[in-house]
Amino acid sequence: MAVYGYIRVSTEEQVNGTSLDEHRRQITGLAMTAGLELDDIIADPGISGSVSLFERPGGRRLATLMADDIVIAAKLDRLFRSALDALRTVEVWERIGVRLILNGHGEVTERVALVG
């Protein structure tokens, strides 16, 4: 099992501002609350949300997730470019046993299992 945080901001102002640091703090807090130890926080600074997760330099690392791996993100829109993109990816992750935890939403993959 590996636990990854994922952070992304779209603009240079956000890269040079506090957004990445704030997302890091949120992810670290979520991991601690869940009793998890982060293996790595993957960052895609200055990458537009219009670029698919698996086409981003950091996001490519999430294309090889395996059963029992966990992804933690501060916001849904930091990971995915649209609701449809999110739904499709989360459904695949659920099938292979990857867990997704989002700040303010908890473990998202459990909800997919209940709905699907």
Protein backbone atom coordinates (compact mmCIF):
# COMPACT_ATOMS: atom_id res chain seq x y z
CA MET A 1 0.00 0.00 0.00
CA ALA A 2 1.24 3.46 -0.91
CA VAL A 3 -0.35 6.75 0.14
CA TYR A 4 -0.01 9.70 -2.23
CA GLY A 5 -1.09 13.28 -1.86
CA TYR A 6 -1.79 15.17 -5.06
CA ILE A 7 -1.61 18.95 -5.47
CA ARG A 8 -1.98 21.14 -8.54
CA VAL A 9 -2.39 24.81 -9.25
CA SER A 10 -3.00 26.40 -12.63
CA THR A 11 -1.16 29.70 -12.52
CA GLU A 12 2.27 31.06 -11.65
CA GLU A 13 0.64 33.36 -9.08
CA GLN A 14 -0.68 30.29 -7.28
CA VAL A 15 2.68 28.52 -7.58
CA ASN A 16 4.43 31.50 -5.99
CA GLY A 17 1.63 32.12 -3.51
CA THR A 18 0.37 29.98 -0.68
CA SER A 19 -2.00 27.61 -2.52
CA LEU A 20 0.42 24.68 -2.83
CA ASP A 21 1.48 25.00 0.80
CA GLU A 22 -2.14 25.16 1.95
CA HIS A 23 -3.02 22.05 -0.07
CA ARG A 24 0.01 20.25 1.42
CA ARG A 25 -1.20 21.12 4.93
CA GLN A 26 -4.72 19.88 4.17
CA ILE A 27 -3.45 16.60 2.72
CA THR A 28 -1.07 16.03 5.61
CA GLY A 29 -3.93 16.67 8.06
CA LEU A 30 -6.25 14.29 6.23
CA ALA A 31 -3.60 11.57 6.28
CA MET A 32 -3.01 12.06 10.00
CA THR A 33 -6.74 12.00 10.75
CA ALA A 34 -7.08 8.72 8.83
CA GLY A 35 -4.05 7.23 10.58
CA LEU A 36 -2.08 7.10 7.32
CA GLU A 37 1.52 7.96 6.57
CA LEU A 38 2.13 9.77 3.29
CA ASP A 39 4.67 8.16 1.00
CA ASP A 40 4.83 11.18 -1.28
CA ILE A 41 3.02 14.35 -2.30
CA ILE A 42 2.89 14.61 -6.08
CA ALA A 43 2.78 18.16 -7.41
CA ASP A 44 1.80 19.59 -10.77
CA PRO A 45 2.49 23.32 -10.33
CA GLY A 46 1.35 25.64 -13.09
CA ILE A 47 -0.57 22.94 -15.01
CA SER A 48 -4.04 23.81 -16.29
CA GLY A 49 -6.98 21.76 -15.09
CA SER A 50 -7.94 21.30 -18.75
CA VAL A 51 -5.07 18.81 -19.03
CA SER A 52 -6.13 15.28 -18.12
CA LEU A 53 -4.67 13.91 -14.87
CA PHE A 54 -2.69 11.17 -16.58
CA GLU A 55 -1.26 13.62 -19.14
CA ARG A 56 0.26 15.83 -16.43
CA PRO A 57 3.90 15.18 -15.42
CA GLY A 58 3.02 14.34 -11.81
CA GLY A 59 -0.32 12.78 -12.64
CA ARG A 60 1.36 10.15 -14.80
CA ARG A 61 2.63 8.59 -11.58
CA LEU A 62 -0.98 7.92 -10.58
CA ALA A 63 -1.60 5.89 -13.74
CA THR A 64 0.13 2.88 -12.17
CA LEU A 65 -1.77 2.72 -8.89
CA MET A 66 -2.45 -0.74 -7.49
CA ALA A 67 -4.92 -2.30 -5.07
CA ASP A 68 -4.85 -0.74 -1.60
CA ASP A 69 -3.06 2.42 -2.79
CA ILE A 70 -4.60 5.67 -1.55
CA VAL A 71 -4.78 9.12 -3.17
CA ILE A 72 -5.54 12.16 -1.02
CA ALA A 73 -6.38 15.57 -2.50
CA ALA A 74 -7.44 18.90 -1.05
CA LYS A 75 -10.06 19.48 -3.77
CA LEU A 76 -11.76 17.45 -6.49
CA ASP A 77 -10.91 20.04 -9.14
CA ARG A 78 -7.20 19.73 -8.38
CA LEU A 79 -7.29 16.13 -9.65
CA PHE A 80 -9.84 16.11 -12.46
CA ARG A 81 -10.76 18.36 -15.37
CA SER A 82 -14.50 17.67 -15.23
CA ALA A 83 -17.15 15.80 -13.28
CA LEU A 84 -17.28 13.15 -16.00
CA ASP A 85 -13.50 12.73 -15.88
CA ALA A 86 -13.71 12.36 -12.10
CA LEU A 87 -16.50 9.80 -12.26
CA ARG A 88 -14.74 7.66 -14.86
CA THR A 89 -11.42 7.68 -13.02
CA VAL A 90 -12.96 7.01 -9.60
CA GLU A 91 -14.94 4.09 -11.02
CA VAL A 92 -11.74 2.56 -12.42
CA TRP A 93 -9.91 3.14 -9.14
CA GLU A 94 -12.79 1.53 -7.23
CA ARG A 95 -12.63 -1.57 -9.45
CA ILE A 96 -8.90 -2.02 -8.88
CA GLY A 97 -9.10 -1.22 -5.17
CA VAL A 98 -7.59 2.28 -5.05
CA ARG A 99 -9.02 4.57 -2.38
CA LEU A 100 -9.60 8.31 -2.91
CA ILE A 101 -9.91 10.70 0.02
CA LEU A 102 -10.96 14.31 -0.57
CA ASN A 103 -10.95 17.15 1.93
CA GLY A 104 -14.52 17.86 2.96
CA HIS A 105 -15.85 14.67 1.34
CA GLY A 106 -14.00 11.85 3.07
CA GLU A 107 -13.42 8.60 1.23
CA VAL A 108 -15.03 9.00 -2.18
CA THR A 109 -14.47 5.44 -3.41
CA GLU A 110 -16.76 4.04 -0.71
CA ARG A 111 -19.61 6.11 -2.15
CA VAL A 112 -19.02 4.79 -5.67
CA ALA A 113 -19.23 1.25 -4.33
CA LEU A 114 -22.55 2.03 -2.65
CA VAL A 115 -24.04 3.75 -5.71
CA GLY A 116 -22.64 1.33 -8.32
